Amino acid sequence: MNISEASELVGIPPKTIRYYEDIGLISSHRSENGYRVYDARDLHMLNFLGRARSLGFTIESCRSLLALYQDPGRASAEVKKVAQQHMDEIDCKIEELQAMRAVLTTLVESCRGDERPDCPILNALSAPLKLHQ
């Protein structure tokens, strides 16, 4: 099948599929006229990548996971290591988001939200940065 059909089946835009091919994550076969042709195995790999990307795995993590997936002699510990590292990164981002939310909550609660021009939110955003020393 062609790239448009493959794209529709796996829910990944053709541009992204071309990008995955350009960076060597997947490879497609070419027909005599030079068009990309995708088979069931290619669709399976694209589906795998789409699912991994939807979970936030980086391209390099996807590359590692694909290599592990295709290696019948893999150790599940290696797969778990990649997933655990990603989960640790997510936990770190959650902590950062919670900290941002706490600051914003304080700012929003300190703003009267009335017709006066005085605004603690804008004052806080325009304050000089405190550099860590």
Protein backbone atom coordinates (compact mmCIF):
# COMPACT_ATOMS: atom_id res chain seq x y z
CA MET A 1 0.00 0.00 0.00
CA ASN A 2 1.09 3.59 -0.48
CA ILE A 3 1.99 6.13 2.19
CA SER A 4 -1.48 7.72 2.28
CA GLU A 5 -3.14 4.37 2.92
CA ALA A 6 -0.56 3.43 5.53
CA SER A 7 -0.97 6.81 7.20
CA GLU A 8 -4.71 6.41 7.43
CA LEU A 9 -4.47 2.89 8.86
CA VAL A 10 -1.95 3.70 11.59
CA GLY A 11 -3.00 7.29 12.31
CA ILE A 12 0.40 8.82 11.65
CA PRO A 13 0.72 11.70 9.16
CA PRO A 14 2.61 10.93 5.92
CA LYS A 15 5.14 13.66 6.78
CA THR A 16 5.96 11.87 10.05
CA ILE A 17 6.28 8.53 8.27
CA ARG A 18 8.71 10.10 5.81
CA TYR A 19 10.65 11.58 8.74
CA TYR A 20 10.86 8.19 10.44
CA GLU A 21 12.24 6.79 7.22
CA ASP A 22 14.71 9.67 6.78
CA ILE A 23 16.18 9.12 10.26
CA GLY A 24 16.33 5.35 9.80
CA LEU A 25 13.63 4.29 12.27
CA ILE A 26 11.79 2.43 9.53
CA SER A 27 12.49 1.57 5.95
CA SER A 28 10.04 1.20 3.14
CA HIS A 29 10.26 -0.62 -0.12
CA ARG A 30 10.05 1.28 -3.39
CA SER A 31 7.88 0.32 -6.30
CA GLU A 32 9.19 0.48 -9.87
CA ASN A 33 7.91 4.04 -10.17
CA GLY A 34 9.78 5.04 -7.00
CA TYR A 35 6.80 5.35 -4.68
CA ARG A 36 7.03 4.06 -1.13
CA VAL A 37 5.23 0.77 -0.57
CA TYR A 38 4.28 -0.49 2.88
CA ASP A 39 3.44 -4.05 3.87
CA ALA A 40 1.95 -5.58 7.02
CA ARG A 41 5.33 -5.63 8.79
CA ASP A 42 5.86 -1.93 8.05
CA LEU A 43 2.39 -1.14 9.39
CA HIS A 44 3.16 -3.09 12.53
CA MET A 45 6.37 -1.09 13.08
CA LEU A 46 4.55 2.20 12.42
CA ASN A 47 1.84 1.21 14.86
CA PHE A 48 4.53 0.33 17.43
CA LEU A 49 6.17 3.74 16.92
CA GLY A 50 2.87 5.57 17.09
CA ARG A 51 2.02 3.91 20.39
CA ALA A 52 5.48 4.55 21.84
CA ARG A 53 5.40 8.20 20.76
CA SER A 54 1.90 8.63 22.22
CA LEU A 55 3.40 7.54 25.55
CA GLY A 56 6.03 10.25 25.16
CA PHE A 57 9.07 8.12 24.34
CA THR A 58 11.77 10.09 22.54
CA ILE A 59 12.93 9.14 19.08
CA GLU A 60 16.11 7.63 20.53
CA SER A 61 14.11 5.63 23.07
CA CYS A 62 11.88 4.43 20.24
CA ARG A 63 14.99 3.39 18.33
CA SER A 64 16.15 1.39 21.36
CA LEU A 65 12.73 -0.16 21.91
CA LEU A 66 12.41 -1.14 18.25
CA ALA A 67 15.84 -2.77 18.32
CA LEU A 68 14.90 -4.67 21.46
CA TYR A 69 11.54 -5.66 20.00
CA GLN A 70 13.22 -7.07 16.92
CA ASP A 71 15.82 -8.98 18.94
CA PRO A 72 14.43 -12.37 20.00
CA GLY A 73 17.39 -12.79 22.37
CA ARG A 74 16.67 -9.57 24.24
CA ALA A 75 16.52 -9.39 28.00
CA SER A 76 13.32 -7.90 29.31
CA ALA A 77 15.48 -6.05 31.83
CA GLU A 78 16.77 -3.87 28.99
CA VAL A 79 13.22 -3.00 27.92
CA LYS A 80 12.28 -2.25 31.51
CA LYS A 81 15.34 0.00 31.86
CA VAL A 82 14.24 2.14 28.89
CA ALA A 83 10.67 2.35 30.21
CA GLN A 84 11.80 3.09 33.78
CA GLN A 85 14.08 5.89 32.59
CA HIS A 86 11.16 7.42 30.69
CA MET A 87 8.90 7.08 33.71
CA ASP A 88 11.53 8.82 35.87
CA GLU A 89 11.63 11.69 33.36
CA ILE A 90 7.82 11.93 33.49
CA ASP A 91 7.91 12.03 37.30
CA CYS A 92 10.43 14.88 37.15
CA LYS A 93 8.23 16.80 34.70
CA ILE A 94 5.20 16.25 36.95
CA GLU A 95 7.13 17.71 39.90
CA GLU A 96 8.12 20.72 37.80
CA LEU A 97 4.52 21.22 36.65
CA GLN A 98 3.24 20.96 40.21
CA ALA A 99 5.74 23.61 41.31
CA MET A 100 4.63 25.89 38.45
CA ARG A 101 1.01 25.32 39.39
CA ALA A 102 1.70 26.23 43.02
CA VAL A 103 3.31 29.53 42.00
CA LEU A 104 0.49 30.31 39.58
CA THR A 105 -2.12 29.44 42.21
CA THR A 106 -0.53 31.91 44.61
CA LEU A 107 -0.40 34.59 41.91
CA VAL A 108 -3.99 34.05 40.79
CA GLU A 109 -5.25 34.09 44.37
CA SER A 110 -3.37 37.33 45.06
CA CYS A 111 -4.95 39.12 42.09
CA ARG A 112 -8.28 40.82 42.77
CA GLY A 113 -9.33 40.50 39.14
CA ASP A 114 -11.24 43.77 39.22
CA GLU A 115 -11.21 46.99 37.18
CA ARG A 116 -8.08 48.38 38.80
CA PRO A 117 -4.82 48.24 36.82
CA ASP A 118 -2.74 46.92 39.72
CA CYS A 119 -2.01 43.24 39.08
CA PRO A 120 0.24 41.03 41.23
CA ILE A 121 0.54 38.54 38.38
CA LEU A 122 2.10 41.11 36.05
CA ASN A 123 4.24 42.47 38.88
CA ALA A 124 5.63 39.01 39.59
CA LEU A 125 6.29 38.30 35.91
CA SER A 126 8.14 41.59 35.48
CA ALA A 127 10.28 41.22 38.62
CA PRO A 128 14.03 40.72 38.10
CA LEU A 129 15.16 37.13 37.91
CA LYS A 130 16.92 35.71 40.91
CA LEU A 131 20.07 34.04 39.66
CA HIS A 132 21.37 31.04 41.56
CA GLN A 133 24.86 31.57 42.81
